[in-house]
Amino acid sequence: MAQFLLSGGFHNSPGVIIFIKGSRPPTEPISGFLARKMSEGQQKKLEEHFCGIASCSCGSWTRAAMEEL
């Protein structure tokens, strides 16, 4: 199980940890791995955490600082 800390982004949101089954290949960017492996529910929670504003074009979680723990 892989763990990732996401924080910041356009709206400077506080950090949140997300757990993903499997391990990220060292050559794959974290954002690509998360986009590929997250469930719909996880993606929705991240979008709400990082923005949640209807019709905002901030990029939500994709612009956050990402770190594998």
N, C-alpha and C. Protein backbone atom coordinates (compact mmCIF):
# COMPACT_ATOMS: atom_id res chain seq x y z
N MET A 1 0.86 -1.17 0.00
CA MET A 1 0.00 0.00 0.00
C MET A 1 0.90 1.23 0.00
N ALA A 2 0.66 2.12 -0.93
CA ALA A 2 1.43 3.36 -1.03
C ALA A 2 0.67 4.50 -0.36
N GLN A 3 1.42 5.42 0.25
CA GLN A 3 0.84 6.59 0.91
C GLN A 3 1.42 7.84 0.28
N PHE A 4 0.56 8.83 0.08
CA PHE A 4 0.99 10.09 -0.53
C PHE A 4 0.43 11.26 0.28
N LEU A 5 1.27 12.27 0.46
CA LEU A 5 0.86 13.51 1.12
C LEU A 5 0.69 14.56 0.04
N LEU A 6 -0.49 15.15 -0.04
CA LEU A 6 -0.77 16.22 -0.99
C LEU A 6 -1.12 17.47 -0.21
N SER A 7 -0.57 18.61 -0.63
CA SER A 7 -0.86 19.87 0.06
C SER A 7 -0.67 21.03 -0.90
N GLY A 8 -1.17 22.18 -0.48
CA GLY A 8 -0.98 23.41 -1.26
C GLY A 8 -1.99 23.54 -2.38
N GLY A 9 -1.49 23.56 -3.61
CA GLY A 9 -2.37 23.77 -4.75
C GLY A 9 -2.72 25.25 -4.88
N PHE A 10 -3.57 25.56 -5.82
CA PHE A 10 -3.94 26.95 -6.11
C PHE A 10 -4.54 27.65 -4.90
N HIS A 11 -5.36 26.92 -4.12
CA HIS A 11 -6.04 27.52 -2.97
C HIS A 11 -5.26 27.32 -1.66
N ASN A 12 -4.00 26.83 -1.75
CA ASN A 12 -3.13 26.64 -0.59
C ASN A 12 -3.81 25.81 0.51
N SER A 13 -4.33 24.66 0.13
CA SER A 13 -5.05 23.78 1.05
C SER A 13 -4.11 23.07 2.01
N PRO A 14 -4.60 22.71 3.20
CA PRO A 14 -3.78 21.94 4.13
C PRO A 14 -3.52 20.53 3.59
N GLY A 15 -2.53 19.86 4.16
CA GLY A 15 -2.16 18.53 3.69
C GLY A 15 -3.21 17.48 3.96
N VAL A 16 -3.21 16.47 3.09
CA VAL A 16 -4.09 15.32 3.24
C VAL A 16 -3.30 14.10 2.76
N ILE A 17 -3.48 12.97 3.45
CA ILE A 17 -2.79 11.74 3.08
C ILE A 17 -3.78 10.83 2.37
N ILE A 18 -3.33 10.24 1.26
CA ILE A 18 -4.17 9.31 0.52
C ILE A 18 -3.44 7.98 0.43
N PHE A 19 -4.18 6.88 0.57
CA PHE A 19 -3.64 5.53 0.50
C PHE A 19 -4.08 4.90 -0.81
N ILE A 20 -3.13 4.30 -1.52
CA ILE A 20 -3.40 3.68 -2.81
C ILE A 20 -2.85 2.25 -2.79
N LYS A 21 -3.64 1.29 -3.26
CA LYS A 21 -3.17 -0.09 -3.35
C LYS A 21 -2.10 -0.18 -4.44
N GLY A 22 -1.07 -0.95 -4.16
CA GLY A 22 0.01 -1.12 -5.13
C GLY A 22 1.15 -0.18 -4.85
N SER A 23 2.16 -0.25 -5.70
CA SER A 23 3.32 0.64 -5.54
C SER A 23 3.57 1.38 -6.85
N ARG A 24 4.05 2.60 -6.71
CA ARG A 24 4.29 3.45 -7.87
C ARG A 24 5.63 3.08 -8.51
N PRO A 25 5.63 2.84 -9.82
CA PRO A 25 6.91 2.64 -10.50
C PRO A 25 7.77 3.90 -10.37
N PRO A 26 9.07 3.77 -10.12
CA PRO A 26 9.92 4.93 -9.89
C PRO A 26 9.93 5.95 -11.03
N THR A 27 9.65 5.50 -12.24
CA THR A 27 9.68 6.41 -13.39
C THR A 27 8.35 7.11 -13.63
N GLU A 28 7.29 6.69 -12.94
CA GLU A 28 5.97 7.30 -13.16
C GLU A 28 5.77 8.49 -12.23
N PRO A 29 5.36 9.63 -12.77
CA PRO A 29 5.07 10.79 -11.91
C PRO A 29 3.94 10.45 -10.92
N ILE A 30 4.02 11.03 -9.73
CA ILE A 30 3.01 10.77 -8.70
C ILE A 30 1.62 11.13 -9.21
N SER A 31 1.49 12.28 -9.87
CA SER A 31 0.16 12.71 -10.34
C SER A 31 -0.44 11.70 -11.32
N GLY A 32 0.37 11.15 -12.20
CA GLY A 32 -0.13 10.15 -13.15
C GLY A 32 -0.53 8.87 -12.46
N PHE A 33 0.27 8.44 -11.48
CA PHE A 33 -0.04 7.23 -10.73
C PHE A 33 -1.35 7.39 -9.97
N LEU A 34 -1.52 8.53 -9.30
CA LEU A 34 -2.75 8.77 -8.56
C LEU A 34 -3.96 8.82 -9.49
N ALA A 35 -3.83 9.51 -10.60
CA ALA A 35 -4.95 9.61 -11.54
C ALA A 35 -5.34 8.23 -12.07
N ARG A 36 -4.37 7.37 -12.24
CA ARG A 36 -4.62 6.03 -12.78
C ARG A 36 -5.18 5.08 -11.73
N LYS A 37 -4.77 5.22 -10.47
CA LYS A 37 -5.11 4.23 -9.45
C LYS A 37 -6.21 4.63 -8.47
N MET A 38 -6.51 5.93 -8.36
CA MET A 38 -7.53 6.36 -7.39
C MET A 38 -8.92 5.89 -7.78
N SER A 39 -9.72 5.60 -6.77
CA SER A 39 -11.13 5.29 -7.02
C SER A 39 -11.87 6.61 -7.29
N GLU A 40 -13.07 6.50 -7.82
CA GLU A 40 -13.89 7.70 -8.05
C GLU A 40 -14.13 8.44 -6.74
N GLY A 41 -14.38 7.69 -5.68
CA GLY A 41 -14.63 8.30 -4.38
C GLY A 41 -13.42 9.06 -3.86
N GLN A 42 -12.22 8.47 -4.02
CA GLN A 42 -11.00 9.15 -3.58
C GLN A 42 -10.78 10.43 -4.38
N GLN A 43 -11.01 10.34 -5.69
CA GLN A 43 -10.82 11.52 -6.54
C GLN A 43 -11.79 12.63 -6.15
N LYS A 44 -13.04 12.27 -5.88
CA LYS A 44 -14.03 13.28 -5.49
C LYS A 44 -13.65 13.94 -4.16
N LYS A 45 -13.18 13.13 -3.19
CA LYS A 45 -12.77 13.68 -1.90
C LYS A 45 -11.60 14.65 -2.06
N LEU A 46 -10.63 14.29 -2.91
CA LEU A 46 -9.50 15.19 -3.14
C LEU A 46 -9.94 16.48 -3.81
N GLU A 47 -10.83 16.36 -4.79
CA GLU A 47 -11.33 17.56 -5.48
C GLU A 47 -12.04 18.49 -4.50
N GLU A 48 -12.84 17.92 -3.60
CA GLU A 48 -13.54 18.74 -2.61
C GLU A 48 -12.58 19.34 -1.59
N HIS A 49 -11.55 18.58 -1.22
CA HIS A 49 -10.56 19.08 -0.25
C HIS A 49 -9.76 20.24 -0.83
N PHE A 50 -9.35 20.12 -2.08
CA PHE A 50 -8.48 21.13 -2.68
C PHE A 50 -9.23 22.29 -3.31
N CYS A 51 -10.52 22.15 -3.55
CA CYS A 51 -11.26 23.29 -4.11
C CYS A 51 -12.73 23.22 -3.70
N GLY A 52 -13.52 22.43 -4.39
CA GLY A 52 -14.94 22.33 -4.05
C GLY A 52 -15.79 23.46 -4.57
N ILE A 53 -15.18 24.39 -5.32
CA ILE A 53 -15.93 25.52 -5.87
C ILE A 53 -16.40 25.16 -7.28
N ALA A 54 -17.71 25.16 -7.48
CA ALA A 54 -18.25 24.84 -8.80
C ALA A 54 -17.70 25.80 -9.84
N SER A 55 -17.34 25.29 -10.98
CA SER A 55 -16.84 26.02 -12.15
C SER A 55 -15.49 26.71 -11.92
N CYS A 56 -14.76 26.36 -10.88
CA CYS A 56 -13.42 26.91 -10.66
C CYS A 56 -12.45 26.17 -11.59
N SER A 57 -11.51 26.86 -12.14
CA SER A 57 -10.55 26.23 -13.06
C SER A 57 -9.15 26.16 -12.45
N CYS A 58 -9.07 25.97 -11.13
CA CYS A 58 -7.79 25.98 -10.43
C CYS A 58 -6.95 24.73 -10.68
N GLY A 59 -7.56 23.65 -11.15
CA GLY A 59 -6.82 22.41 -11.33
C GLY A 59 -6.94 21.46 -10.15
N SER A 60 -7.60 21.90 -9.09
CA SER A 60 -7.86 21.09 -7.90
C SER A 60 -6.60 20.39 -7.40
N TRP A 61 -6.64 19.11 -7.15
CA TRP A 61 -5.54 18.37 -6.56
C TRP A 61 -4.35 18.23 -7.50
N THR A 62 -4.54 18.37 -8.80
CA THR A 62 -3.45 18.16 -9.75
C THR A 62 -2.35 19.20 -9.62
N ARG A 63 -2.63 20.33 -8.98
CA ARG A 63 -1.62 21.38 -8.79
C ARG A 63 -1.00 21.35 -7.40
N ALA A 64 -1.36 20.36 -6.61
CA ALA A 64 -0.84 20.25 -5.24
C ALA A 64 0.61 19.76 -5.24
N ALA A 65 1.31 20.06 -4.16
CA ALA A 65 2.63 19.47 -3.93
C ALA A 65 2.38 18.02 -3.50
N MET A 66 3.11 17.08 -4.10
CA MET A 66 2.88 15.66 -3.84
C MET A 66 4.17 15.00 -3.37
N GLU A 67 4.02 14.19 -2.32
CA GLU A 67 5.17 13.49 -1.75
C GLU A 67 4.76 12.07 -1.40
N GLU A 68 5.58 11.10 -1.79
CA GLU A 68 5.32 9.72 -1.41
C GLU A 68 5.92 9.49 -0.03
N LEU A 69 5.14 8.92 0.87
CA LEU A 69 5.60 8.69 2.24
C LEU A 69 6.16 7.29 2.40
